[in-house]
Amino acid sequence: MPGPVRLVVCINARAGAGRRSCIGSGSLDQIDRIDDMISGAGLDIPILRRECPGRCEQGPTRRIAPGGPFFTETDATGLKLIVAGPKQFIDRRNGTDA
């Protein structure tokens, strides 16, 4: 049985002028909002701050763990997909998706 579902958010900041990173693309600014949206949806999914899944150029990067999809280059309007993603992932994993 896989471990509990969680949302992993990259908080990597790459040094050097002109180098894109998840922090520079707004990952920290969106964590509280994502957490509020997850709670508001009635889900109990922790958000883990981690460095670096290797997708700096696509940041901010998030991933449903264990083994779920990545969400990259997500702006504020795409946060709803991030919140819906864990529920769909859990339903598929449990065989309860419609």
Protein backbone atom coordinates (compact mmCIF):
# COMPACT_ATOMS: atom_id res chain seq x y z
CA MET A 1 0.00 0.00 0.00
CA PRO A 2 1.44 3.39 -0.96
CA GLY A 3 2.03 6.01 1.69
CA PRO A 4 -0.32 8.88 2.46
CA VAL A 5 -1.03 11.43 -0.23
CA ARG A 6 0.67 14.79 0.11
CA LEU A 7 1.41 17.78 -2.07
CA VAL A 8 5.10 18.50 -2.56
CA VAL A 9 5.97 22.11 -3.41
CA CYS A 10 9.43 23.06 -4.62
CA ILE A 11 11.00 25.96 -2.74
CA ASN A 12 14.32 25.95 -4.55
CA ALA A 13 16.04 29.26 -5.25
CA ARG A 14 18.80 28.98 -7.83
CA ALA A 15 21.69 31.38 -7.59
CA GLY A 16 22.71 33.43 -10.57
CA ALA A 17 21.19 36.21 -12.58
CA GLY A 18 18.62 35.07 -15.09
CA ARG A 19 18.29 31.53 -13.70
CA ARG A 20 14.65 30.61 -13.23
CA SER A 21 13.62 28.91 -9.98
CA CYS A 22 10.44 27.85 -8.25
CA ILE A 23 10.79 30.46 -5.50
CA GLY A 24 11.44 33.12 -8.12
CA SER A 25 8.33 31.94 -9.97
CA GLY A 26 6.12 32.37 -6.89
CA SER A 27 5.95 28.99 -5.16
CA LEU A 28 6.20 30.43 -1.65
CA ASP A 29 3.61 33.09 -2.39
CA GLN A 30 1.05 30.43 -3.31
CA ILE A 31 1.56 27.86 -0.52
CA ASP A 32 -0.84 29.45 1.99
CA ARG A 33 -3.48 29.93 -0.69
CA ILE A 34 -3.17 26.30 -1.82
CA ASP A 35 -3.38 25.13 1.80
CA ASP A 36 -6.55 27.19 2.36
CA MET A 37 -8.09 25.81 -0.83
CA ILE A 38 -7.26 22.21 0.14
CA SER A 39 -8.78 22.70 3.59
CA GLY A 40 -11.82 24.44 2.07
CA ALA A 41 -12.35 21.39 -0.15
CA GLY A 42 -12.49 19.20 2.95
CA LEU A 43 -9.21 17.42 2.18
CA ASP A 44 -6.56 16.53 4.73
CA ILE A 45 -3.45 16.68 2.56
CA PRO A 46 -0.23 18.06 3.97
CA ILE A 47 1.93 20.39 1.91
CA LEU A 48 5.61 19.55 2.04
CA ARG A 49 8.20 22.15 1.11
CA ARG A 50 11.09 20.48 -0.71
CA GLU A 51 14.01 21.26 -2.99
CA CYS A 52 14.29 20.38 -6.06
CA PRO A 53 12.46 17.99 -8.42
CA GLY A 54 14.64 19.19 -11.31
CA ARG A 55 12.08 21.25 -13.18
CA CYS A 56 13.36 24.74 -12.38
CA GLU A 57 12.67 26.06 -15.87
CA GLN A 58 9.01 25.01 -15.53
CA GLY A 59 8.46 26.37 -12.03
CA PRO A 60 6.75 26.81 -9.78
CA THR A 61 6.68 23.02 -9.54
CA ARG A 62 4.36 20.92 -7.39
CA ARG A 63 3.76 17.19 -7.33
CA ILE A 64 1.22 14.88 -5.80
CA ALA A 65 3.13 12.22 -3.93
CA PRO A 66 3.70 9.37 -3.92
CA GLY A 67 3.99 8.90 -7.65
CA GLY A 68 1.38 11.40 -8.81
CA PRO A 69 1.46 14.02 -11.53
CA PHE A 70 3.52 17.19 -11.62
CA PHE A 71 1.93 20.63 -11.89
CA THR A 72 4.24 23.22 -13.44
CA GLU A 73 4.08 26.84 -14.58
CA THR A 74 0.85 27.26 -12.64
CA ASP A 75 -0.52 30.74 -12.14
CA ALA A 76 -3.22 31.72 -9.65
CA THR A 77 -6.04 30.53 -11.93
CA GLY A 78 -4.44 27.09 -12.21
CA LEU A 79 -4.43 26.53 -8.46
CA LYS A 80 -7.90 24.98 -8.65
CA LEU A 81 -6.41 22.14 -10.70
CA ILE A 82 -3.78 21.57 -8.03
CA VAL A 83 -6.49 21.27 -5.39
CA ALA A 84 -8.62 18.94 -7.54
CA GLY A 85 -5.58 16.82 -8.43
CA PRO A 86 -5.02 15.14 -5.04
CA LYS A 87 -8.68 14.14 -4.72
CA GLN A 88 -8.68 12.61 -8.21
CA PHE A 89 -5.37 10.89 -7.46
CA ILE A 90 -6.74 9.41 -4.20
CA ASP A 91 -9.94 8.28 -5.92
CA ARG A 92 -7.98 6.56 -8.72
CA ARG A 93 -5.62 4.93 -6.25
CA ASN A 94 -8.55 3.65 -4.18
CA GLY A 95 -10.53 2.55 -7.25
CA THR A 96 -13.39 4.92 -6.43
CA ASP A 97 -13.14 7.31 -9.37
CA ALA A 98 -16.24 7.79 -11.45
